[in-house]
Amino acid sequence: MAIENDSGRAAGPVVRRRKSGRTWEHVDVTRYKEEGSAVFRGMSRQVLFADPALQAELRYFEVQPDGFSTLERHVHAHAVLVLHGHGRCLVGTEVFDIGPHDLVSVPALTWHQFRAGPEEPLGFLCMVNARRDRPQLPSREDLEELRRQPQVAAFIAHQFQ
């Protein structure tokens, strides 16, 4: 087991063992984002892996039943692997049902949002750039454009009244 440096990043090989449930040893469960920074509900995150040489972070997100991530886009791409639960996601102008072992690719500058179903939490791994841009939230004009697609309008209806 490697010793971590001051930034919490591994200084060598590391094995992160599952602590209990869906948490890992030496990994803090944190808020998804600061309250009031964007529209989201019932989410937490854990940074499982960060390596400057790879310029990547692997994060675990958990969305509580009927919770959702922020509708946003970034300059960087995402790779999302669903570990457990079921839900739906918006990627661009398409809405997909998602479940265990589904892999979702989110291209750069593509609107996206993840939503858990009503019965169980939705947990997923997300690989992102370690140095990334701030999320862009939709403007009024962006929302109008997104709402032109009926399935997108239905997907985001409850949060943007």
N, C-alpha and C. Protein backbone atom coordinates (compact mmCIF):
# COMPACT_ATOMS: atom_id res chain seq x y z
N MET A 1 0.86 -1.17 0.00
CA MET A 1 0.00 0.00 0.00
C MET A 1 0.90 1.23 0.00
N ALA A 2 0.65 2.15 -0.87
CA ALA A 2 1.49 3.34 -1.01
C ALA A 2 1.09 4.40 0.00
N ILE A 3 2.01 5.27 0.25
CA ILE A 3 1.76 6.44 1.07
C ILE A 3 1.27 7.55 0.16
N GLU A 4 0.29 8.29 0.63
CA GLU A 4 -0.22 9.38 -0.18
C GLU A 4 0.50 10.67 0.16
N ASN A 5 0.65 11.55 -0.82
CA ASN A 5 1.32 12.82 -0.58
C ASN A 5 0.32 13.83 -0.03
N ASP A 6 0.75 15.08 0.17
CA ASP A 6 -0.09 16.10 0.79
C ASP A 6 -1.37 16.41 0.03
N SER A 7 -1.39 16.19 -1.27
CA SER A 7 -2.58 16.50 -2.06
C SER A 7 -3.58 15.36 -2.03
N GLY A 8 -3.27 14.25 -1.33
CA GLY A 8 -4.15 13.10 -1.30
C GLY A 8 -3.95 12.20 -2.51
N ARG A 9 -3.02 12.54 -3.36
CA ARG A 9 -2.76 11.73 -4.55
C ARG A 9 -1.73 10.66 -4.21
N ALA A 10 -1.86 9.54 -4.85
CA ALA A 10 -0.98 8.43 -4.57
C ALA A 10 0.45 8.74 -4.97
N ALA A 11 1.40 8.35 -4.11
CA ALA A 11 2.81 8.51 -4.41
C ALA A 11 3.38 7.22 -5.00
N GLY A 12 2.56 6.21 -5.13
CA GLY A 12 2.96 4.92 -5.68
C GLY A 12 1.74 4.03 -5.77
N PRO A 13 1.94 2.72 -5.90
CA PRO A 13 0.80 1.82 -6.00
C PRO A 13 -0.11 1.91 -4.78
N VAL A 14 -1.41 1.85 -5.03
CA VAL A 14 -2.39 1.93 -3.94
C VAL A 14 -3.47 0.90 -4.19
N VAL A 15 -3.91 0.26 -3.14
CA VAL A 15 -5.11 -0.58 -3.19
C VAL A 15 -6.12 0.09 -2.28
N ARG A 16 -7.23 0.46 -2.83
CA ARG A 16 -8.31 1.05 -2.05
C ARG A 16 -9.36 -0.04 -1.85
N ARG A 17 -9.46 -0.50 -0.63
CA ARG A 17 -10.41 -1.57 -0.34
C ARG A 17 -11.77 -0.98 0.04
N ARG A 18 -12.79 -1.71 -0.32
CA ARG A 18 -14.13 -1.30 0.06
C ARG A 18 -14.22 -1.33 1.57
N LYS A 19 -14.69 -0.24 2.13
CA LYS A 19 -14.83 -0.12 3.59
C LYS A 19 -16.14 -0.77 4.02
N SER A 20 -17.23 -0.26 3.51
CA SER A 20 -18.55 -0.81 3.79
C SER A 20 -19.52 -0.24 2.78
N GLY A 21 -20.53 -1.02 2.46
CA GLY A 21 -21.49 -0.52 1.49
C GLY A 21 -20.82 -0.07 0.22
N ARG A 22 -20.98 1.21 -0.09
CA ARG A 22 -20.37 1.77 -1.30
C ARG A 22 -19.42 2.90 -0.92
N THR A 23 -18.53 2.59 0.04
CA THR A 23 -17.46 3.51 0.41
C THR A 23 -16.14 2.75 0.42
N TRP A 24 -15.05 3.51 0.34
CA TRP A 24 -13.73 2.91 0.27
C TRP A 24 -12.86 3.46 1.39
N GLU A 25 -11.89 2.64 1.81
CA GLU A 25 -10.94 3.06 2.83
C GLU A 25 -10.20 4.31 2.39
N HIS A 26 -9.99 5.23 3.31
CA HIS A 26 -9.20 6.44 3.09
C HIS A 26 -9.76 7.35 1.99
N VAL A 27 -11.06 7.25 1.75
CA VAL A 27 -11.71 8.09 0.75
C VAL A 27 -12.89 8.79 1.42
N ASP A 28 -12.87 10.12 1.39
CA ASP A 28 -13.95 10.88 1.99
C ASP A 28 -15.18 10.90 1.09
N VAL A 29 -16.34 10.77 1.70
CA VAL A 29 -17.60 10.98 0.99
C VAL A 29 -17.91 12.46 1.13
N THR A 30 -18.03 13.16 0.01
CA THR A 30 -18.23 14.60 0.05
C THR A 30 -19.50 14.98 -0.70
N ARG A 31 -19.86 16.23 -0.54
CA ARG A 31 -20.98 16.76 -1.32
C ARG A 31 -20.64 16.72 -2.79
N TYR A 32 -21.65 16.55 -3.57
CA TYR A 32 -21.48 16.59 -5.03
C TYR A 32 -20.99 17.96 -5.45
N LYS A 33 -21.64 18.99 -4.97
CA LYS A 33 -21.27 20.39 -5.22
C LYS A 33 -21.72 21.20 -4.01
N GLU A 34 -21.30 22.43 -3.98
CA GLU A 34 -21.77 23.31 -2.93
C GLU A 34 -23.24 23.64 -3.14
N GLU A 35 -23.99 23.65 -2.06
CA GLU A 35 -25.41 24.00 -2.14
C GLU A 35 -25.55 25.38 -2.78
N GLY A 36 -26.55 25.53 -3.62
CA GLY A 36 -26.81 26.81 -4.24
C GLY A 36 -25.97 27.09 -5.47
N SER A 37 -24.99 26.22 -5.78
CA SER A 37 -24.13 26.46 -6.94
C SER A 37 -24.78 26.02 -8.24
N ALA A 38 -25.74 25.11 -8.15
CA ALA A 38 -26.42 24.59 -9.34
C ALA A 38 -27.63 23.78 -8.88
N VAL A 39 -28.47 23.42 -9.82
CA VAL A 39 -29.66 22.63 -9.50
C VAL A 39 -29.29 21.15 -9.53
N PHE A 40 -29.40 20.48 -8.37
CA PHE A 40 -29.15 19.04 -8.25
C PHE A 40 -29.85 18.57 -6.98
N ARG A 41 -29.95 17.24 -6.83
CA ARG A 41 -30.60 16.73 -5.62
C ARG A 41 -30.07 15.33 -5.29
N GLY A 42 -29.75 15.13 -4.01
CA GLY A 42 -29.44 13.81 -3.49
C GLY A 42 -28.20 13.15 -4.03
N MET A 43 -27.09 13.89 -4.11
CA MET A 43 -25.87 13.32 -4.68
C MET A 43 -24.68 13.45 -3.74
N SER A 44 -23.80 12.46 -3.83
CA SER A 44 -22.51 12.53 -3.14
C SER A 44 -21.43 12.08 -4.11
N ARG A 45 -20.18 12.35 -3.74
CA ARG A 45 -19.07 11.92 -4.59
C ARG A 45 -17.89 11.47 -3.74
N GLN A 46 -17.07 10.62 -4.34
CA GLN A 46 -15.83 10.15 -3.73
C GLN A 46 -14.78 10.13 -4.83
N VAL A 47 -13.62 10.72 -4.56
CA VAL A 47 -12.52 10.66 -5.52
C VAL A 47 -11.70 9.42 -5.17
N LEU A 48 -11.77 8.41 -6.03
CA LEU A 48 -11.12 7.14 -5.76
C LEU A 48 -9.68 7.09 -6.24
N PHE A 49 -9.40 7.86 -7.29
CA PHE A 49 -8.08 7.80 -7.90
C PHE A 49 -7.79 9.13 -8.58
N ALA A 50 -6.58 9.62 -8.37
CA ALA A 50 -6.13 10.84 -9.06
C ALA A 50 -4.63 10.68 -9.29
N ASP A 51 -4.21 10.87 -10.52
CA ASP A 51 -2.80 10.71 -10.84
C ASP A 51 -2.38 11.79 -11.83
N PRO A 52 -1.46 12.68 -11.42
CA PRO A 52 -1.01 13.74 -12.32
C PRO A 52 -0.38 13.20 -13.61
N ALA A 53 0.29 12.06 -13.56
CA ALA A 53 0.92 11.51 -14.75
C ALA A 53 -0.12 11.11 -15.79
N LEU A 54 -1.25 10.60 -15.34
CA LEU A 54 -2.33 10.24 -16.27
C LEU A 54 -3.23 11.42 -16.58
N GLN A 55 -3.14 12.46 -15.76
CA GLN A 55 -3.99 13.64 -15.89
C GLN A 55 -5.46 13.27 -15.84
N ALA A 56 -5.79 12.33 -14.93
CA ALA A 56 -7.17 11.86 -14.83
C ALA A 56 -7.56 11.62 -13.38
N GLU A 57 -8.87 11.67 -13.14
CA GLU A 57 -9.44 11.30 -11.85
C GLU A 57 -10.56 10.30 -12.09
N LEU A 58 -10.65 9.34 -11.20
CA LEU A 58 -11.76 8.40 -11.21
C LEU A 58 -12.59 8.70 -9.98
N ARG A 59 -13.86 9.02 -10.21
CA ARG A 59 -14.76 9.40 -9.12
C ARG A 59 -15.94 8.45 -9.07
N TYR A 60 -16.44 8.26 -7.86
CA TYR A 60 -17.68 7.50 -7.68
C TYR A 60 -18.75 8.48 -7.24
N PHE A 61 -19.86 8.49 -7.95
CA PHE A 61 -21.01 9.32 -7.60
C PHE A 61 -22.16 8.42 -7.21
N GLU A 62 -22.91 8.86 -6.22
CA GLU A 62 -24.12 8.14 -5.86
C GLU A 62 -25.27 9.14 -5.83
N VAL A 63 -26.34 8.76 -6.54
CA VAL A 63 -27.53 9.59 -6.65
C VAL A 63 -28.64 8.87 -5.92
N GLN A 64 -29.22 9.51 -4.92
CA GLN A 64 -30.30 8.90 -4.16
C GLN A 64 -31.56 8.78 -5.02
N PRO A 65 -32.50 7.89 -4.64
CA PRO A 65 -33.72 7.73 -5.44
C PRO A 65 -34.36 9.08 -5.77
N ASP A 66 -34.73 9.24 -7.03
CA ASP A 66 -35.32 10.46 -7.56
C ASP A 66 -34.38 11.67 -7.53
N GLY A 67 -33.11 11.46 -7.21
CA GLY A 67 -32.13 12.55 -7.24
C GLY A 67 -31.56 12.71 -8.64
N PHE A 68 -30.79 13.78 -8.81
CA PHE A 68 -30.23 14.05 -10.14
C PHE A 68 -29.01 14.94 -10.03
N SER A 69 -28.15 14.84 -11.04
CA SER A 69 -26.98 15.70 -11.14
C SER A 69 -27.38 17.01 -11.79
N THR A 70 -26.45 17.92 -11.85
CA THR A 70 -26.68 19.21 -12.49
C THR A 70 -26.74 19.03 -14.01
N LEU A 71 -27.64 19.75 -14.66
CA LEU A 71 -27.63 19.83 -16.11
C LEU A 71 -26.51 20.79 -16.47
N GLU A 72 -25.48 20.28 -17.16
CA GLU A 72 -24.30 21.09 -17.43
C GLU A 72 -23.55 20.53 -18.63
N ARG A 73 -22.53 21.28 -19.03
CA ARG A 73 -21.59 20.82 -20.05
C ARG A 73 -20.21 21.35 -19.69
N HIS A 74 -19.18 20.74 -20.28
CA HIS A 74 -17.79 21.09 -20.02
C HIS A 74 -17.00 21.02 -21.31
N VAL A 75 -15.80 21.58 -21.29
CA VAL A 75 -14.89 21.44 -22.41
C VAL A 75 -14.31 20.02 -22.42
N HIS A 76 -14.20 19.39 -21.25
CA HIS A 76 -13.66 18.03 -21.18
C HIS A 76 -14.76 16.98 -21.37
N ALA A 77 -14.35 15.80 -21.80
CA ALA A 77 -15.26 14.67 -21.98
C ALA A 77 -15.36 13.87 -20.68
N HIS A 78 -16.35 13.00 -20.61
CA HIS A 78 -16.54 12.10 -19.47
C HIS A 78 -16.69 10.68 -19.98
N ALA A 79 -16.30 9.73 -19.15
CA ALA A 79 -16.64 8.33 -19.36
C ALA A 79 -17.32 7.88 -18.08
N VAL A 80 -18.54 7.40 -18.18
CA VAL A 80 -19.35 7.04 -17.00
C VAL A 80 -19.71 5.57 -17.09
N LEU A 81 -19.41 4.81 -16.04
CA LEU A 81 -19.75 3.40 -15.97
C LEU A 81 -20.70 3.19 -14.79
N VAL A 82 -21.91 2.75 -15.09
CA VAL A 82 -22.91 2.51 -14.04
C VAL A 82 -22.54 1.23 -13.30
N LEU A 83 -22.46 1.31 -11.97
CA LEU A 83 -22.15 0.13 -11.16
C LEU A 83 -23.41 -0.53 -10.61
N HIS A 84 -24.36 0.29 -10.17
CA HIS A 84 -25.58 -0.28 -9.59
C HIS A 84 -26.73 0.71 -9.73
N GLY A 85 -27.93 0.17 -9.63
CA GLY A 85 -29.12 1.00 -9.73
C GLY A 85 -29.54 1.21 -11.17
N HIS A 86 -30.66 1.89 -11.30
CA HIS A 86 -31.21 2.20 -12.62
C HIS A 86 -31.62 3.66 -12.64
N GLY A 87 -31.60 4.23 -13.81
CA GLY A 87 -32.00 5.62 -13.95
C GLY A 87 -32.06 6.00 -15.40
N ARG A 88 -31.91 7.28 -15.63
CA ARG A 88 -31.92 7.81 -16.98
C ARG A 88 -30.84 8.87 -17.07
N CYS A 89 -30.37 9.11 -18.28
CA CYS A 89 -29.41 10.18 -18.47
C CYS A 89 -29.73 10.92 -19.76
N LEU A 90 -29.42 12.19 -19.72
CA LEU A 90 -29.51 13.05 -20.89
C LEU A 90 -28.09 13.26 -21.39
N VAL A 91 -27.87 13.01 -22.66
CA VAL A 91 -26.58 13.29 -23.30
C VAL A 91 -26.91 13.98 -24.61
N GLY A 92 -26.59 15.27 -24.68
CA GLY A 92 -26.95 16.05 -25.87
C GLY A 92 -28.45 16.25 -25.92
N THR A 93 -29.07 15.71 -26.94
CA THR A 93 -30.53 15.82 -27.07
C THR A 93 -31.19 14.45 -27.01
N GLU A 94 -30.48 13.47 -26.44
CA GLU A 94 -31.04 12.12 -26.31
C GLU A 94 -31.13 11.74 -24.84
N VAL A 95 -32.19 11.01 -24.51
CA VAL A 95 -32.40 10.50 -23.16
C VAL A 95 -32.30 8.98 -23.22
N PHE A 96 -31.51 8.41 -22.32
CA PHE A 96 -31.27 6.97 -22.30
C PHE A 96 -31.65 6.38 -20.95
N ASP A 97 -32.22 5.18 -20.94
CA ASP A 97 -32.36 4.39 -19.72
C ASP A 97 -31.00 3.77 -19.45
N ILE A 98 -30.58 3.77 -18.18
CA ILE A 98 -29.27 3.22 -17.84
C ILE A 98 -29.38 2.28 -16.64
N GLY A 99 -28.49 1.30 -16.60
CA GLY A 99 -28.44 0.34 -15.52
C GLY A 99 -27.04 -0.23 -15.38
N PRO A 100 -26.87 -1.22 -14.49
CA PRO A 100 -25.56 -1.77 -14.20
C PRO A 100 -24.78 -2.17 -15.45
N HIS A 101 -23.54 -1.73 -15.47
CA HIS A 101 -22.53 -2.03 -16.48
C HIS A 101 -22.71 -1.26 -17.78
N ASP A 102 -23.69 -0.37 -17.83
CA ASP A 102 -23.80 0.50 -19.01
C ASP A 102 -22.68 1.53 -18.97
N LEU A 103 -22.11 1.80 -20.13
CA LEU A 103 -21.05 2.79 -20.27
C LEU A 103 -21.61 3.96 -21.06
N VAL A 104 -21.51 5.16 -20.50
CA VAL A 104 -22.02 6.36 -21.14
C VAL A 104 -20.84 7.26 -21.47
N SER A 105 -20.71 7.60 -22.72
CA SER A 105 -19.66 8.52 -23.17
C SER A 105 -20.30 9.89 -23.36
N VAL A 106 -19.74 10.88 -22.71
CA VAL A 106 -20.25 12.25 -22.82
C VAL A 106 -19.18 13.08 -23.52
N PRO A 107 -19.40 13.43 -24.78
CA PRO A 107 -18.41 14.24 -25.50
C PRO A 107 -18.27 15.64 -24.90
N ALA A 108 -17.19 16.29 -25.22
CA ALA A 108 -16.95 17.66 -24.77
C ALA A 108 -18.08 18.57 -25.25
N LEU A 109 -18.39 19.56 -24.43
CA LEU A 109 -19.40 20.58 -24.71
C LEU A 109 -20.78 20.01 -25.05
N THR A 110 -21.11 18.90 -24.39
CA THR A 110 -22.41 18.26 -24.58
C THR A 110 -23.20 18.35 -23.28
N TRP A 111 -24.43 18.84 -23.37
CA TRP A 111 -25.29 18.91 -22.19
C TRP A 111 -25.51 17.49 -21.68
N HIS A 112 -25.45 17.33 -20.35
CA HIS A 112 -25.66 16.01 -19.76
C HIS A 112 -26.21 16.14 -18.35
N GLN A 113 -26.92 15.09 -17.96
CA GLN A 113 -27.48 15.02 -16.61
C GLN A 113 -27.81 13.56 -16.33
N PHE A 114 -27.61 13.14 -15.08
CA PHE A 114 -27.91 11.78 -14.64
C PHE A 114 -28.98 11.84 -13.57
N ARG A 115 -29.93 10.90 -13.65
CA ARG A 115 -31.07 10.89 -12.74
C ARG A 115 -31.30 9.45 -12.27
N ALA A 116 -31.47 9.28 -10.96
CA ALA A 116 -31.77 7.96 -10.39
C ALA A 116 -33.26 7.69 -10.51
N GLY A 117 -33.59 6.42 -10.63
CA GLY A 117 -35.00 6.01 -10.60
C GLY A 117 -35.56 6.15 -9.20
N PRO A 118 -36.84 5.87 -9.02
CA PRO A 118 -37.49 6.08 -7.72
C PRO A 118 -37.24 5.00 -6.69
N GLU A 119 -36.70 3.86 -7.09
CA GLU A 119 -36.62 2.71 -6.18
C GLU A 119 -35.30 2.54 -5.44
N GLU A 120 -34.20 2.96 -6.04
CA GLU A 120 -32.89 2.65 -5.46
C GLU A 120 -31.87 3.70 -5.88
N PRO A 121 -30.76 3.80 -5.14
CA PRO A 121 -29.70 4.73 -5.55
C PRO A 121 -29.08 4.29 -6.87
N LEU A 122 -28.57 5.26 -7.60
CA LEU A 122 -27.83 5.04 -8.84
C LEU A 122 -26.37 5.36 -8.54
N GLY A 123 -25.48 4.39 -8.71
CA GLY A 123 -24.06 4.60 -8.44
C GLY A 123 -23.25 4.42 -9.70
N PHE A 124 -22.32 5.35 -9.95
CA PHE A 124 -21.51 5.23 -11.16
C PHE A 124 -20.12 5.78 -10.96
N LEU A 125 -19.19 5.22 -11.73
CA LEU A 125 -17.83 5.72 -11.81
C LEU A 125 -17.77 6.72 -12.94
N CYS A 126 -16.98 7.77 -12.74
CA CYS A 126 -16.82 8.79 -13.77
C CYS A 126 -15.34 9.13 -13.90
N MET A 127 -14.82 8.95 -15.10
CA MET A 127 -13.43 9.30 -15.39
C MET A 127 -13.41 10.66 -16.06
N VAL A 128 -12.63 11.59 -15.49
CA VAL A 128 -12.54 12.94 -16.04
C VAL A 128 -11.08 13.41 -16.00
N ASN A 129 -10.82 14.50 -16.69
CA ASN A 129 -9.51 15.13 -16.63
C ASN A 129 -9.26 15.61 -15.20
N ALA A 130 -8.04 15.45 -14.72
CA ALA A 130 -7.71 15.94 -13.39
C ALA A 130 -7.78 17.47 -13.34
N ARG A 131 -7.34 18.10 -14.41
CA ARG A 131 -7.47 19.56 -14.53
C ARG A 131 -8.58 19.80 -15.54
N ARG A 132 -9.66 20.33 -15.05
CA ARG A 132 -10.79 20.50 -15.95
C ARG A 132 -11.37 21.88 -15.80
N ASP A 133 -12.17 22.22 -16.75
CA ASP A 133 -12.84 23.52 -16.75
C ASP A 133 -14.03 23.49 -15.80
N ARG A 134 -14.51 24.67 -15.48
CA ARG A 134 -15.72 24.78 -14.66
C ARG A 134 -16.93 24.39 -15.50
N PRO A 135 -17.92 23.78 -14.86
CA PRO A 135 -19.12 23.43 -15.62
C PRO A 135 -19.84 24.67 -16.13
N GLN A 136 -20.41 24.55 -17.30
CA GLN A 136 -21.24 25.60 -17.86
C GLN A 136 -22.70 25.22 -17.63
N LEU A 137 -23.44 26.12 -17.03
CA LEU A 137 -24.87 25.88 -16.79
C LEU A 137 -25.66 26.46 -17.95
N PRO A 138 -26.84 25.90 -18.22
CA PRO A 138 -27.61 26.38 -19.37
C PRO A 138 -28.19 27.78 -19.13
N SER A 139 -28.10 28.60 -20.15
CA SER A 139 -28.73 29.92 -20.12
C SER A 139 -30.21 29.74 -20.47
N ARG A 140 -30.95 30.79 -20.37
CA ARG A 140 -32.36 30.76 -20.76
C ARG A 140 -32.49 30.31 -22.23
N GLU A 141 -31.61 30.82 -23.07
CA GLU A 141 -31.63 30.46 -24.49
C GLU A 141 -31.28 28.98 -24.70
N ASP A 142 -30.30 28.49 -23.93
CA ASP A 142 -29.93 27.07 -24.02
C ASP A 142 -31.12 26.19 -23.64
N LEU A 143 -31.82 26.56 -22.57
CA LEU A 143 -32.98 25.79 -22.14
C LEU A 143 -34.07 25.80 -23.19
N GLU A 144 -34.29 26.94 -23.81
CA GLU A 144 -35.28 27.02 -24.89
C GLU A 144 -34.91 26.07 -26.02
N GLU A 145 -33.65 26.06 -26.39
CA GLU A 145 -33.18 25.17 -27.46
C GLU A 145 -33.36 23.70 -27.07
N LEU A 146 -32.98 23.34 -25.83
CA LEU A 146 -33.13 21.96 -25.37
C LEU A 146 -34.59 21.53 -25.36
N ARG A 147 -35.47 22.44 -24.96
CA ARG A 147 -36.90 22.11 -24.87
C ARG A 147 -37.55 21.89 -26.23
N ARG A 148 -36.88 22.21 -27.30
CA ARG A 148 -37.43 21.95 -28.64
C ARG A 148 -37.51 20.45 -28.92
N GLN A 149 -36.72 19.67 -28.18
CA GLN A 149 -36.78 18.21 -28.29
C GLN A 149 -37.74 17.71 -27.21
N PRO A 150 -38.89 17.12 -27.59
CA PRO A 150 -39.91 16.72 -26.61
C PRO A 150 -39.39 15.83 -25.49
N GLN A 151 -38.51 14.86 -25.82
CA GLN A 151 -38.03 13.97 -24.75
C GLN A 151 -37.11 14.71 -23.77
N VAL A 152 -36.37 15.69 -24.26
CA VAL A 152 -35.52 16.49 -23.38
C VAL A 152 -36.39 17.40 -22.52
N ALA A 153 -37.39 18.01 -23.14
CA ALA A 153 -38.31 18.89 -22.39
C ALA A 153 -38.97 18.12 -21.25
N ALA A 154 -39.38 16.88 -21.50
CA ALA A 154 -40.01 16.06 -20.46
C ALA A 154 -38.98 15.70 -19.37
N PHE A 155 -37.76 15.43 -19.77
CA PHE A 155 -36.72 15.02 -18.84
C PHE A 155 -36.37 16.14 -17.85
N ILE A 156 -36.31 17.38 -18.33
CA ILE A 156 -35.88 18.50 -17.49
C ILE A 156 -37.04 19.31 -16.94
N ALA A 157 -38.28 18.95 -17.25
CA ALA A 157 -39.45 19.77 -16.92
C ALA A 157 -39.58 20.11 -15.45
N HIS A 158 -39.36 19.15 -14.58
CA HIS A 158 -39.62 19.36 -13.15
C HIS A 158 -38.63 20.32 -12.49
N GLN A 159 -37.46 20.53 -13.05
CA GLN A 159 -36.46 21.36 -12.39
C GLN A 159 -36.34 22.76 -12.95
N PHE A 160 -36.87 23.01 -14.12
CA PHE A 160 -36.79 24.34 -14.71
C PHE A 160 -38.19 24.81 -15.05
N GLN A 161 -38.92 25.21 -14.05
CA GLN A 161 -40.32 25.64 -14.25
C GLN A 161 -40.40 27.04 -14.80
